[in-house]
């Protein structure tokens, strides 16, 4: 890796360009318009310099400088680096999801994940993309994190949402609600609790993390009145985790757990499915939030934000969640080094 200055080497973080017809380039530009960020983390954008220049001009940021590279191993420290995923010109349709923008989102994701797996990157930060335009015969995933879990060969991936107030994990991935009950098994919950506890220790420096577990059914099953999964599956998994020395508690009724300050007594919460996690997370996290794909040697984060076409090219998108994802990746890298 080349150095442009004698400054200490920053972690090299790959950034996917998401859907280039959405606000992804805008949030990247806005974040790195603050040059202080370059002293914290060196970025490598898997995108295209022509698209970058298009949005840079539209937002009046012509003075924003960048360096081109053909290889993640040849980047410039404390500079904004771009690796062109294709050389030919791409048609930009701001605010419109297209087959081309979806195809390029997949290409960016695959190239970046390959470099991460090969050890060329210290971490990877995703920007939002549109799953519907990304889907094809060669890409059958409904989320970028699901793709990464497969590409990185993760045995027990755990998607977390992280803010300054709350850390919440999801026992199941982004799947239809009708499929959640059949996915909830004792082995799954036990495995997720083990990954969660290990992650909180290693990546968040919490020595003896206490994890609250939410139930699946209304009132956590209501003693069998509203379903048997909570008592026979989830509670059994919690009890097993405690027998192995983990500080797991529950299951708790999801509808009332966040009404009081009960959740504040725990270091993290394990929810059973996506919406059960994200509803309280979005309500309680007044600051920006980031996703973290736990359970791997690799560090992968993403902003808690949807792929936004409605506000594309209007210079009104917020980069707060993207910054949060960048800082979270850096913090985890430091914690793993014992810093």
C-alpha atoms as a PDB file:
ATOM      1  CA  UNK A   1       0.000   0.000   0.000  1.00  0.00           C
ATOM      2  CA  UNK A   2       1.408   3.375  -0.943  1.00  0.00           C
ATOM      3  CA  UNK A   3       1.723   6.272   1.461  1.00  0.00           C
ATOM      4  CA  UNK A   4       1.118   9.838   0.338  1.00  0.00           C
ATOM      5  CA  UNK A   5       2.284  11.288   3.645  1.00  0.00           C
ATOM      6  CA  UNK A   6       4.449  10.341   6.575  1.00  0.00           C
ATOM      7  CA  UNK A   7       1.359  10.264   8.800  1.00  0.00           C
ATOM      8  CA  UNK A   8       0.479   7.052  10.645  1.00  0.00           C
ATOM      9  CA  UNK A   9      -1.227   4.467   8.475  1.00  0.00           C
ATOM     10  CA  UNK A  10      -4.991   4.613   8.804  1.00  0.00           C
ATOM     11  CA  UNK A  11      -7.229   1.568   8.537  1.00  0.00           C
ATOM     12  CA  UNK A  12      -8.256   1.068   4.914  1.00  0.00           C
ATOM     13  CA  UNK A  13     -12.033   0.795   4.692  1.00  0.00           C
ATOM     14  CA  UNK A  14     -13.765  -0.281   1.520  1.00  0.00           C
ATOM     15  CA  UNK A  15     -17.021   1.499   0.686  1.00  0.00           C
ATOM     16  CA  UNK A  16     -19.578   0.100  -1.737  1.00  0.00           C
ATOM     17  CA  UNK A  17     -21.350   2.682  -3.866  1.00  0.00           C
ATOM     18  CA  UNK A  18     -24.823   1.166  -3.376  1.00  0.00           C
ATOM     19  CA  UNK A  19     -27.383   2.316  -5.934  1.00  0.00           C
ATOM     20  CA  UNK A  20     -25.847   5.256  -7.775  1.00  0.00           C
ATOM     21  CA  UNK A  21     -29.296   6.616  -8.664  1.00  0.00           C
ATOM     22  CA  UNK A  22     -30.082   7.046  -4.968  1.00  0.00           C
ATOM     23  CA  UNK A  23     -28.453   9.236  -2.306  1.00  0.00           C
ATOM     24  CA  UNK A  24     -25.439   6.934  -1.791  1.00  0.00           C
ATOM     25  CA  UNK A  25     -22.894   9.216  -3.500  1.00  0.00           C
ATOM     26  CA  UNK A  26     -24.324  12.219  -1.707  1.00  0.00           C
ATOM     27  CA  UNK A  27     -23.836  10.792   1.784  1.00  0.00           C
ATOM     28  CA  UNK A  28     -20.302   9.683   0.918  1.00  0.00           C
ATOM     29  CA  UNK A  29     -19.409  13.127  -0.440  1.00  0.00           C
ATOM     30  CA  UNK A  30     -20.906  14.923   2.539  1.00  0.00           C
ATOM     31  CA  UNK A  31     -19.096  12.730   5.058  1.00  0.00           C
ATOM     32  CA  UNK A  32     -15.679  13.150   3.459  1.00  0.00           C
ATOM     33  CA  UNK A  33     -16.154  16.851   2.785  1.00  0.00           C
ATOM     34  CA  UNK A  34     -15.050  17.025   6.419  1.00  0.00           C
ATOM     35  CA  UNK A  35     -11.343  16.440   5.857  1.00  0.00           C
ATOM     36  CA  UNK A  36     -10.856  15.489   9.500  1.00  0.00           C
ATOM     37  CA  UNK A  37     -12.394  12.117   8.648  1.00  0.00           C
ATOM     38  CA  UNK A  38      -9.394  11.324   6.457  1.00  0.00           C
ATOM     39  CA  UNK A  39      -7.188  11.441   9.533  1.00  0.00           C
ATOM     40  CA  UNK A  40      -9.284   8.643  11.057  1.00  0.00           C
ATOM     41  CA  UNK A  41      -9.936   6.248   8.189  1.00  0.00           C
ATOM     42  CA  UNK A  42      -8.710   5.985   4.602  1.00  0.00           C
ATOM     43  CA  UNK A  43     -11.582   5.185   2.211  1.00  0.00           C
ATOM     44  CA  UNK A  44     -11.574   3.118  -0.956  1.00  0.00           C
ATOM     45  CA  UNK A  45     -14.790   3.591  -2.912  1.00  0.00           C
ATOM     46  CA  UNK A  46     -15.824   0.742  -5.190  1.00  0.00           C
ATOM     47  CA  UNK A  47     -17.722   2.828  -7.705  1.00  0.00           C
ATOM     48  CA  UNK A  48     -16.902   5.060 -10.635  1.00  0.00           C
ATOM     49  CA  UNK A  49     -15.049   8.348 -10.749  1.00  0.00           C
ATOM     50  CA  UNK A  50     -17.332   9.704 -13.505  1.00  0.00           C
ATOM     51  CA  UNK A  51     -20.400   9.213 -11.321  1.00  0.00           C
ATOM     52  CA  UNK A  52     -18.523  10.671  -8.376  1.00  0.00           C
ATOM     53  CA  UNK A  53     -17.603  13.741 -10.431  1.00  0.00           C
ATOM     54  CA  UNK A  54     -21.200  14.109 -11.648  1.00  0.00           C
ATOM     55  CA  UNK A  55     -22.589  14.361  -8.130  1.00  0.00           C
ATOM     56  CA  UNK A  56     -19.603  16.363  -6.912  1.00  0.00           C
ATOM     57  CA  UNK A  57     -20.358  19.027  -9.522  1.00  0.00           C
ATOM     58  CA  UNK A  58     -24.105  18.995  -8.829  1.00  0.00           C
ATOM     59  CA  UNK A  59     -23.504  19.622  -5.122  1.00  0.00           C
ATOM     60  CA  UNK A  60     -20.963  22.388  -5.724  1.00  0.00           C
ATOM     61  CA  UNK A  61     -18.048  20.344  -4.375  1.00  0.00           C
ATOM     62  CA  UNK A  62     -15.656  20.699  -7.294  1.00  0.00           C
ATOM     63  CA  UNK A  63     -12.735  21.224  -4.912  1.00  0.00           C
ATOM     64  CA  UNK A  64     -13.192  17.689  -3.536  1.00  0.00           C
ATOM     65  CA  UNK A  65     -10.073  15.767  -4.617  1.00  0.00           C
ATOM     66  CA  UNK A  66      -9.667  12.022  -5.029  1.00  0.00           C
ATOM     67  CA  UNK A  67      -7.071   9.496  -6.185  1.00  0.00           C
ATOM     68  CA  UNK A  68      -7.672   6.652  -8.633  1.00  0.00           C
ATOM     69  CA  UNK A  69      -6.341   3.138  -8.122  1.00  0.00           C
ATOM     70  CA  UNK A  70      -6.704  -0.156  -9.935  1.00  0.00           C
ATOM     71  CA  UNK A  71      -5.869  -2.282  -6.908  1.00  0.00           C
ATOM     72  CA  UNK A  72      -6.868  -2.138  -3.230  1.00  0.00           C
ATOM     73  CA  UNK A  73      -3.233  -2.840  -2.380  1.00  0.00           C
ATOM     74  CA  UNK A  74      -2.152   0.397  -4.077  1.00  0.00           C
ATOM     75  CA  UNK A  75      -4.057   3.120  -2.255  1.00  0.00           C
ATOM     76  CA  UNK A  76      -3.024   6.446  -0.808  1.00  0.00           C
ATOM     77  CA  UNK A  77      -3.112   6.948   2.941  1.00  0.00           C
ATOM     78  CA  UNK A  78      -5.302   9.841   4.128  1.00  0.00           C
ATOM     79  CA  UNK A  79      -6.632  10.373   0.602  1.00  0.00           C
ATOM     80  CA  UNK A  80     -10.035   9.591  -0.858  1.00  0.00           C
ATOM     81  CA  UNK A  81      -9.431   6.624  -3.179  1.00  0.00           C
ATOM     82  CA  UNK A  82     -11.702   5.368  -5.953  1.00  0.00           C
ATOM     83  CA  UNK A  83     -11.483   2.016  -7.684  1.00  0.00           C
ATOM     84  CA  UNK A  84     -13.478   2.067 -10.926  1.00  0.00           C
ATOM     85  CA  UNK A  85     -15.588  -1.088 -11.056  1.00  0.00           C
ATOM     86  CA  UNK A  86     -16.082  -0.503 -14.813  1.00  0.00           C
ATOM     87  CA  UNK A  87     -14.333   1.852 -17.202  1.00  0.00           C
ATOM     88  CA  UNK A  88     -17.157   2.545 -19.661  1.00  0.00           C
ATOM     89  CA  UNK A  89     -19.617   5.354 -19.036  1.00  0.00           C
ATOM     90  CA  UNK A  90     -22.764   4.520 -17.072  1.00  0.00           C
ATOM     91  CA  UNK A  91     -26.148   6.175 -17.610  1.00  0.00           C
ATOM     92  CA  UNK A  92     -27.180   8.085 -14.480  1.00  0.00           C
ATOM     93  CA  UNK A  93     -30.907   8.480 -13.779  1.00  0.00           C
ATOM     94  CA  UNK A  94     -31.110  10.272 -10.412  1.00  0.00           C
ATOM     95  CA  UNK A  95     -34.084   9.132  -8.367  1.00  0.00           C
ATOM     96  CA  UNK A  96     -34.933   6.169 -10.609  1.00  0.00           C
ATOM     97  CA  UNK A  97     -34.029   2.568  -9.721  1.00  0.00           C
ATOM     98  CA  UNK A  98     -32.822   0.881 -12.907  1.00  0.00           C
ATOM     99  CA  UNK A  99     -31.569  -2.529 -13.912  1.00  0.00           C
ATOM    100  CA  UNK A 100     -28.161  -0.979 -14.616  1.00  0.00           C
ATOM    101  CA  UNK A 101     -27.853   0.681 -11.192  1.00  0.00           C
ATOM    102  CA  UNK A 102     -28.835  -2.614  -9.549  1.00  0.00           C
ATOM    103  CA  UNK A 103     -26.269  -4.513 -11.613  1.00  0.00           C
ATOM    104  CA  UNK A 104     -23.543  -2.043 -10.628  1.00  0.00           C
ATOM    105  CA  UNK A 105     -24.543  -2.259  -6.961  1.00  0.00           C
ATOM    106  CA  UNK A 106     -23.978  -6.017  -7.129  1.00  0.00           C
ATOM    107  CA  UNK A 107     -20.644  -5.582  -8.921  1.00  0.00           C
ATOM    108  CA  UNK A 108     -19.433  -3.098  -6.294  1.00  0.00           C
ATOM    109  CA  UNK A 109     -20.503  -5.403  -3.475  1.00  0.00           C
ATOM    110  CA  UNK A 110     -18.846  -8.470  -4.983  1.00  0.00           C
ATOM    111  CA  UNK A 111     -15.561  -6.739  -5.763  1.00  0.00           C
ATOM    112  CA  UNK A 112     -15.352  -5.170  -2.306  1.00  0.00           C
ATOM    113  CA  UNK A 113     -16.222  -8.399  -0.496  1.00  0.00           C
ATOM    114  CA  UNK A 114     -13.574 -10.284  -2.502  1.00  0.00           C
ATOM    115  CA  UNK A 115     -10.919  -7.771  -1.448  1.00  0.00           C
ATOM    116  CA  UNK A 116     -12.090  -7.968   2.167  1.00  0.00           C
ATOM    117  CA  UNK A 117     -11.917 -11.762   2.136  1.00  0.00           C
ATOM    118  CA  UNK A 118      -8.426 -11.627   0.587  1.00  0.00           C
ATOM    119  CA  UNK A 119      -7.195  -9.351   3.364  1.00  0.00           C
ATOM    120  CA  UNK A 120      -6.718  -6.243   1.213  1.00  0.00           C
ATOM    121  CA  UNK A 121      -9.171  -4.204   3.321  1.00  0.00           C
ATOM    122  CA  UNK A 122      -9.339  -3.704   7.068  1.00  0.00           C
ATOM    123  CA  UNK A 123     -13.124  -3.305   7.031  1.00  0.00           C
ATOM    124  CA  UNK A 124     -16.070  -2.830   4.708  1.00  0.00           C
ATOM    125  CA  UNK A 125     -18.871  -0.256   4.922  1.00  0.00           C
ATOM    126  CA  UNK A 126     -21.950  -0.670   2.723  1.00  0.00           C
ATOM    127  CA  UNK A 127     -24.136   2.107   1.397  1.00  0.00           C
ATOM    128  CA  UNK A 128     -27.845   1.465   0.715  1.00  0.00           C
ATOM    129  CA  UNK A 129     -28.908  -0.396  -2.417  1.00  0.00           C
ATOM    130  CA  UNK A 130     -32.220  -1.550  -3.833  1.00  0.00           C
ATOM    131  CA  UNK A 131     -32.695  -5.345  -3.388  1.00  0.00           C
ATOM    132  CA  UNK A 132     -35.370  -5.537  -6.098  1.00  0.00           C
ATOM    133  CA  UNK A 133     -33.089  -4.217  -8.870  1.00  0.00           C
ATOM    134  CA  UNK A 134     -30.121  -6.239  -7.599  1.00  0.00           C
ATOM    135  CA  UNK A 135     -31.879  -9.610  -7.844  1.00  0.00           C
ATOM    136  CA  UNK A 136     -30.942 -11.789 -10.814  1.00  0.00           C
ATOM    137  CA  UNK A 137     -30.080 -15.377 -11.688  1.00  0.00           C
ATOM    138  CA  UNK A 138     -26.560 -14.697 -10.419  1.00  0.00           C
ATOM    139  CA  UNK A 139     -27.611 -12.814  -7.274  1.00  0.00           C
ATOM    140  CA  UNK A 140     -30.454 -14.372  -5.299  1.00  0.00           C
ATOM    141  CA  UNK A 141     -30.116 -12.432  -2.046  1.00  0.00           C
ATOM    142  CA  UNK A 142     -32.703 -10.108  -0.489  1.00  0.00           C
ATOM    143  CA  UNK A 143     -30.153  -8.000   1.385  1.00  0.00           C
ATOM    144  CA  UNK A 144     -26.506  -7.056   1.071  1.00  0.00           C
ATOM    145  CA  UNK A 145     -25.774  -8.409   4.557  1.00  0.00           C
ATOM    146  CA  UNK A 146     -27.238 -11.801   3.616  1.00  0.00           C
ATOM    147  CA  UNK A 147     -24.928 -11.848   0.605  1.00  0.00           C
ATOM    148  CA  UNK A 148     -21.916 -11.017   2.776  1.00  0.00           C
ATOM    149  CA  UNK A 149     -22.789 -13.721   5.295  1.00  0.00           C
ATOM    150  CA  UNK A 150     -22.730 -16.230   2.434  1.00  0.00           C
ATOM    151  CA  UNK A 151     -19.677 -14.794   0.651  1.00  0.00           C
ATOM    152  CA  UNK A 152     -17.661 -14.719   3.887  1.00  0.00           C
ATOM    153  CA  UNK A 153     -18.788 -18.272   4.725  1.00  0.00           C
ATOM    154  CA  UNK A 154     -20.153 -17.289   8.121  1.00  0.00           C
ATOM    155  CA  UNK A 155     -21.525 -20.241  10.109  1.00  0.00           C
ATOM    156  CA  UNK A 156     -23.648 -18.229  12.540  1.00  0.00           C
ATOM    157  CA  UNK A 157     -24.050 -14.630  11.309  1.00  0.00           C
ATOM    158  CA  UNK A 158     -25.781 -12.176  13.618  1.00  0.00           C
ATOM    159  CA  UNK A 159     -27.041  -8.860  12.291  1.00  0.00           C
ATOM    160  CA  UNK A 160     -26.918  -6.149  14.937  1.00  0.00           C
ATOM    161  CA  UNK A 161     -28.286  -2.614  14.963  1.00  0.00           C
ATOM    162  CA  UNK A 162     -26.063  -0.335  17.052  1.00  0.00           C
ATOM    163  CA  UNK A 163     -26.590   3.169  18.408  1.00  0.00           C
ATOM    164  CA  UNK A 164     -25.270   5.046  21.412  1.00  0.00           C
ATOM    165  CA  UNK A 165     -28.306   3.886  23.422  1.00  0.00           C
ATOM    166  CA  UNK A 166     -29.102   0.395  22.197  1.00  0.00           C
ATOM    167  CA  UNK A 167     -27.507  -2.730  20.748  1.00  0.00           C
ATOM    168  CA  UNK A 168     -30.038  -5.182  19.367  1.00  0.00           C
ATOM    169  CA  UNK A 169     -29.459  -8.374  17.412  1.00  0.00           C
ATOM    170  CA  UNK A 170     -31.797 -10.376  15.174  1.00  0.00           C
ATOM    171  CA  UNK A 171     -32.079 -14.126  15.565  1.00  0.00           C
ATOM    172  CA  UNK A 172     -33.397 -14.542  12.027  1.00  0.00           C
ATOM    173  CA  UNK A 173     -32.346 -12.770   8.856  1.00  0.00           C
ATOM    174  CA  UNK A 174     -34.498 -10.620   6.609  1.00  0.00           C
ATOM    175  CA  UNK A 175     -37.176 -13.188   5.744  1.00  0.00           C
ATOM    176  CA  UNK A 176     -40.984 -13.171   5.460  1.00  0.00           C
ATOM    177  CA  UNK A 177     -42.683 -13.112   8.851  1.00  0.00           C
ATOM    178  CA  UNK A 178     -44.569 -16.306   8.008  1.00  0.00           C
ATOM    179  CA  UNK A 179     -41.246 -18.199   7.908  1.00  0.00           C
ATOM    180  CA  UNK A 180     -39.914 -16.949  11.238  1.00  0.00           C
ATOM    181  CA  UNK A 181     -41.555 -19.543  13.575  1.00  0.00           C
ATOM    182  CA  UNK A 182     -40.094 -22.495  11.674  1.00  0.00           C
ATOM    183  CA  UNK A 183     -36.635 -20.890  11.858  1.00  0.00           C
ATOM    184  CA  UNK A 184     -36.735 -20.474  15.642  1.00  0.00           C
ATOM    185  CA  UNK A 185     -35.000 -23.513  17.131  1.00  0.00           C
ATOM    186  CA  UNK A 186     -33.132 -24.113  20.357  1.00  0.00           C
ATOM    187  CA  UNK A 187     -29.854 -24.578  18.477  1.00  0.00           C
ATOM    188  CA  UNK A 188     -30.361 -21.323  16.568  1.00  0.00           C
ATOM    189  CA  UNK A 189     -31.055 -19.228  19.678  1.00  0.00           C
ATOM    190  CA  UNK A 190     -28.205 -20.874  21.590  1.00  0.00           C
ATOM    191  CA  UNK A 191     -25.820 -20.216  18.713  1.00  0.00           C
ATOM    192  CA  UNK A 192     -26.889 -16.604  18.331  1.00  0.00           C
ATOM    193  CA  UNK A 193     -26.486 -15.983  22.068  1.00  0.00           C
ATOM    194  CA  UNK A 194     -22.952 -17.395  21.965  1.00  0.00           C
ATOM    195  CA  UNK A 195     -22.029 -15.172  18.993  1.00  0.00           C
ATOM    196  CA  UNK A 196     -23.686 -12.170  20.646  1.00  0.00           C
ATOM    197  CA  UNK A 197     -21.845 -12.632  23.920  1.00  0.00           C
ATOM    198  CA  UNK A 198     -18.479 -13.176  22.221  1.00  0.00           C
ATOM    199  CA  UNK A 199     -19.029 -10.111  20.000  1.00  0.00           C
ATOM    200  CA  UNK A 200     -19.931  -7.850  22.898  1.00  0.00           C
ATOM    201  CA  UNK A 201     -16.755  -8.907  24.676  1.00  0.00           C
ATOM    202  CA  UNK A 202     -14.349  -8.735  21.738  1.00  0.00           C
ATOM    203  CA  UNK A 203     -15.770  -5.920  19.628  1.00  0.00           C
ATOM    204  CA  UNK A 204     -17.443  -3.706  22.252  1.00  0.00           C
ATOM    205  CA  UNK A 205     -15.177  -4.374  25.274  1.00  0.00           C
ATOM    206  CA  UNK A 206     -18.031  -5.450  27.592  1.00  0.00           C
ATOM    207  CA  UNK A 207     -16.477  -7.968  29.988  1.00  0.00           C
ATOM    208  CA  UNK A 208     -19.590  -9.804  31.198  1.00  0.00           C
ATOM    209  CA  UNK A 209     -22.380  -8.814  28.810  1.00  0.00           C
ATOM    210  CA  UNK A 210     -25.986  -9.278  29.887  1.00  0.00           C
ATOM    211  CA  UNK A 211     -28.297 -10.112  26.991  1.00  0.00           C
ATOM    212  CA  UNK A 212     -32.077  -9.869  27.219  1.00  0.00           C
ATOM    213  CA  UNK A 213     -33.992 -12.195  24.900  1.00  0.00           C
ATOM    214  CA  UNK A 214     -37.394 -11.272  23.503  1.00  0.00           C
ATOM    215  CA  UNK A 215     -40.180 -13.785  23.034  1.00  0.00           C
ATOM    216  CA  UNK A 216     -41.683 -14.709  19.695  1.00  0.00           C
ATOM    217  CA  UNK A 217     -45.392 -14.673  20.521  1.00  0.00           C
ATOM    218  CA  UNK A 218     -47.633 -12.049  22.195  1.00  0.00           C
ATOM    219  CA  UNK A 219     -46.878 -11.826  25.944  1.00  0.00           C
ATOM    220  CA  UNK A 220     -43.935 -14.225  25.345  1.00  0.00           C
ATOM    221  CA  UNK A 221     -46.428 -17.030  24.835  1.00  0.00           C
ATOM    222  CA  UNK A 222     -48.567 -16.272  27.882  1.00  0.00           C
ATOM    223  CA  UNK A 223     -47.673 -19.585  29.580  1.00  0.00           C
ATOM    224  CA  UNK A 224     -48.621 -21.488  26.449  1.00  0.00           C
ATOM    225  CA  UNK A 225     -51.825 -19.585  25.801  1.00  0.00           C
ATOM    226  CA  UNK A 226     -50.438 -17.858  22.665  1.00  0.00           C
ATOM    227  CA  UNK A 227     -47.911 -20.410  21.446  1.00  0.00           C
ATOM    228  CA  UNK A 228     -45.363 -22.890  22.739  1.00  0.00           C
ATOM    229  CA  UNK A 229     -42.152 -21.621  21.125  1.00  0.00           C
ATOM    230  CA  UNK A 230     -41.319 -19.208  23.941  1.00  0.00           C
ATOM    231  CA  UNK A 231     -41.379 -21.818  26.715  1.00  0.00           C
ATOM    232  CA  UNK A 232     -40.230 -24.919  24.859  1.00  0.00           C
ATOM    233  CA  UNK A 233     -37.663 -23.366  22.522  1.00  0.00           C
ATOM    234  CA  UNK A 234     -36.533 -19.877  23.539  1.00  0.00           C
ATOM    235  CA  UNK A 235     -36.551 -20.360  27.327  1.00  0.00           C
ATOM    236  CA  UNK A 236     -34.810 -23.708  26.905  1.00  0.00           C
ATOM    237  CA  UNK A 237     -32.102 -22.018  24.841  1.00  0.00           C
ATOM    238  CA  UNK A 238     -31.717 -19.223  27.408  1.00  0.00           C
ATOM    239  CA  UNK A 239     -31.420 -21.767  30.225  1.00  0.00           C
ATOM    240  CA  UNK A 240     -28.821 -23.711  28.274  1.00  0.00           C
ATOM    241  CA  UNK A 241     -26.826 -20.534  27.604  1.00  0.00           C
ATOM    242  CA  UNK A 242     -26.856 -19.690  31.317  1.00  0.00           C
ATOM    243  CA  UNK A 243     -25.650 -23.198  32.160  1.00  0.00           C
ATOM    244  CA  UNK A 244     -22.648 -22.489  29.932  1.00  0.00           C
ATOM    245  CA  UNK A 245     -21.796 -19.283  31.767  1.00  0.00           C
ATOM    246  CA  UNK A 246     -23.495 -16.746  29.500  1.00  0.00           C
ATOM    247  CA  UNK A 247     -25.553 -13.972  31.052  1.00  0.00           C
ATOM    248  CA  UNK A 248     -28.774 -14.484  29.111  1.00  0.00           C
ATOM    249  CA  UNK A 249     -32.225 -13.562  30.423  1.00  0.00           C
ATOM    250  CA  UNK A 250     -35.795 -14.028  29.223  1.00  0.00           C
ATOM    251  CA  UNK A 251     -37.782 -14.493  27.169  1.00  0.00           C
ATOM    252  CA  UNK A 252     -39.475 -11.147  27.740  1.00  0.00           C
ATOM    253  CA  UNK A 253     -42.726  -9.962  26.186  1.00  0.00           C
ATOM    254  CA  UNK A 254     -41.697  -7.767  23.259  1.00  0.00           C
ATOM    255  CA  UNK A 255     -44.736  -5.478  23.552  1.00  0.00           C
ATOM    256  CA  UNK A 256     -43.911  -4.289  27.081  1.00  0.00           C
ATOM    257  CA  UNK A 257     -40.151  -4.741  27.424  1.00  0.00           C
ATOM    258  CA  UNK A 258     -39.305  -1.287  26.078  1.00  0.00           C
ATOM    259  CA  UNK A 259     -42.154   0.567  27.812  1.00  0.00           C
ATOM    260  CA  UNK A 260     -40.193   0.952  31.050  1.00  0.00           C
ATOM    261  CA  UNK A 261     -36.475   1.255  31.675  1.00  0.00           C
ATOM    262  CA  UNK A 262     -36.139  -2.543  31.896  1.00  0.00           C
ATOM    263  CA  UNK A 263     -34.105  -2.676  28.706  1.00  0.00           C
ATOM    264  CA  UNK A 264     -31.538  -0.297  30.199  1.00  0.00           C
ATOM    265  CA  UNK A 265     -30.504  -3.000  32.682  1.00  0.00           C
ATOM    266  CA  UNK A 266     -29.005  -5.086  29.889  1.00  0.00           C
ATOM    267  CA  UNK A 267     -26.043  -4.557  27.584  1.00  0.00           C
ATOM    268  CA  UNK A 268     -27.903  -5.825  24.541  1.00  0.00           C
ATOM    269  CA  UNK A 269     -31.160  -7.365  23.356  1.00  0.00           C
ATOM    270  CA  UNK A 270     -31.762 -10.349  21.084  1.00  0.00           C
ATOM    271  CA  UNK A 271     -34.955 -10.041  19.025  1.00  0.00           C
ATOM    272  CA  UNK A 272     -36.517 -12.873  17.074  1.00  0.00           C
ATOM    273  CA  UNK A 273     -37.029 -11.071  13.761  1.00  0.00           C
ATOM    274  CA  UNK A 274     -36.244  -7.860  11.890  1.00  0.00           C
ATOM    275  CA  UNK A 275     -39.241  -5.646  12.685  1.00  0.00           C
ATOM    276  CA  UNK A 276     -39.306  -6.723  16.324  1.00  0.00           C
ATOM    277  CA  UNK A 277     -35.783  -5.337  16.555  1.00  0.00           C
ATOM    278  CA  UNK A 278     -35.993  -2.275  14.356  1.00  0.00           C
ATOM    279  CA  UNK A 279     -39.221  -0.749  15.695  1.00  0.00           C
ATOM    280  CA  UNK A 280     -37.842  -0.110  19.210  1.00  0.00           C
ATOM    281  CA  UNK A 281     -34.392   0.636  17.805  1.00  0.00           C
ATOM    282  CA  UNK A 282     -35.660   3.418  15.554  1.00  0.00           C
ATOM    283  CA  UNK A 283     -37.847   4.869  18.312  1.00  0.00           C
ATOM    284  CA  UNK A 284     -35.178   4.808  21.018  1.00  0.00           C
ATOM    285  CA  UNK A 285     -32.125   5.711  18.952  1.00  0.00           C
ATOM    286  CA  UNK A 286     -32.459   9.443  18.522  1.00  0.00           C
ATOM    287  CA  UNK A 287     -28.898   9.465  17.207  1.00  0.00           C
ATOM    288  CA  UNK A 288     -27.901   7.752  13.970  1.00  0.00           C
ATOM    289  CA  UNK A 289     -27.540   3.999  13.929  1.00  0.00           C
ATOM    290  CA  UNK A 290     -25.458   1.424  12.085  1.00  0.00           C
ATOM    291  CA  UNK A 291     -25.759  -2.246  11.244  1.00  0.00           C
ATOM    292  CA  UNK A 292     -22.947  -4.615  12.166  1.00  0.00           C
ATOM    293  CA  UNK A 293     -22.573  -8.153  10.823  1.00  0.00           C
ATOM    294  CA  UNK A 294     -21.278 -10.019  13.862  1.00  0.00           C
ATOM    295  CA  UNK A 295     -19.868 -13.528  14.005  1.00  0.00           C
ATOM    296  CA  UNK A 296     -16.933 -13.151  11.626  1.00  0.00           C
ATOM    297  CA  UNK A 297     -13.250 -12.318  11.576  1.00  0.00           C
ATOM    298  CA  UNK A 298     -14.188  -9.580   9.097  1.00  0.00           C
ATOM    299  CA  UNK A 299     -15.625  -6.192  10.044  1.00  0.00           C
ATOM    300  CA  UNK A 300     -18.680  -5.188   8.008  1.00  0.00           C
ATOM    301  CA  UNK A 301     -21.015  -2.299   8.833  1.00  0.00           C
ATOM    302  CA  UNK A 302     -23.723  -0.271   7.095  1.00  0.00           C
ATOM    303  CA  UNK A 303     -25.854   2.760   7.916  1.00  0.00           C
ATOM    304  CA  UNK A 304     -29.329   2.137   9.292  1.00  0.00           C
ATOM    305  CA  UNK A 305     -30.957   3.859   6.326  1.00  0.00           C
ATOM    306  CA  UNK A 306     -33.134   2.898   3.393  1.00  0.00           C
ATOM    307  CA  UNK A 307     -32.158   3.248  -0.241  1.00  0.00           C
ATOM    308  CA  UNK A 308     -33.505   6.757  -0.854  1.00  0.00           C
ATOM    309  CA  UNK A 309     -34.539   7.653  -4.390  1.00  0.00           C
ATOM    310  CA  UNK A 310     -37.079  10.303  -3.456  1.00  0.00           C
ATOM    311  CA  UNK A 311     -34.463  12.782  -2.218  1.00  0.00           C
ATOM    312  CA  UNK A 312     -31.692  11.921  -4.666  1.00  0.00           C
ATOM    313  CA  UNK A 313     -29.733  14.824  -6.192  1.00  0.00           C
ATOM    314  CA  UNK A 314     -31.434  17.421  -3.975  1.00  0.00           C
ATOM    315  CA  UNK A 315     -28.557  17.972  -1.535  1.00  0.00           C
ATOM    316  CA  UNK A 316     -30.774  17.267   1.490  1.00  0.00           C
ATOM    317  CA  UNK A 317     -29.769  13.703   2.462  1.00  0.00           C
ATOM    318  CA  UNK A 318     -28.141  13.262   5.871  1.00  0.00           C
ATOM    319  CA  UNK A 319     -24.802  11.490   6.177  1.00  0.00           C
ATOM    320  CA  UNK A 320     -25.153  10.878   9.936  1.00  0.00           C
ATOM    321  CA  UNK A 321     -25.901   7.147   9.693  1.00  0.00           C
ATOM    322  CA  UNK A 322     -23.103   6.624   7.168  1.00  0.00           C
ATOM    323  CA  UNK A 323     -20.665   8.362   9.508  1.00  0.00           C
ATOM    324  CA  UNK A 324     -21.915   6.148  12.325  1.00  0.00           C
ATOM    325  CA  UNK A 325     -21.151   3.063  10.231  1.00  0.00           C
ATOM    326  CA  UNK A 326     -17.637   4.334   9.495  1.00  0.00           C
ATOM    327  CA  UNK A 327     -16.892   5.153  13.135  1.00  0.00           C
ATOM    328  CA  UNK A 328     -18.344   1.842  14.310  1.00  0.00           C
ATOM    329  CA  UNK A 329     -16.047  -0.066  11.953  1.00  0.00           C
ATOM    330  CA  UNK A 330     -13.044   1.923  13.215  1.00  0.00           C
ATOM    331  CA  UNK A 331     -13.986   1.414  16.862  1.00  0.00           C
ATOM    332  CA  UNK A 332     -14.301  -2.344  16.381  1.00  0.00           C
ATOM    333  CA  UNK A 333     -10.915  -2.507  14.649  1.00  0.00           C
ATOM    334  CA  UNK A 334      -9.358  -0.629  17.590  1.00  0.00           C
ATOM    335  CA  UNK A 335     -11.025  -2.866  20.163  1.00  0.00           C
ATOM    336  CA  UNK A 336      -9.752  -5.963  18.398  1.00  0.00           C
ATOM    337  CA  UNK A 337      -6.233  -4.550  18.586  1.00  0.00           C
ATOM    338  CA  UNK A 338      -6.690  -3.865  22.281  1.00  0.00           C
ATOM    339  CA  UNK A 339      -6.622  -0.083  21.860  1.00  0.00           C
END
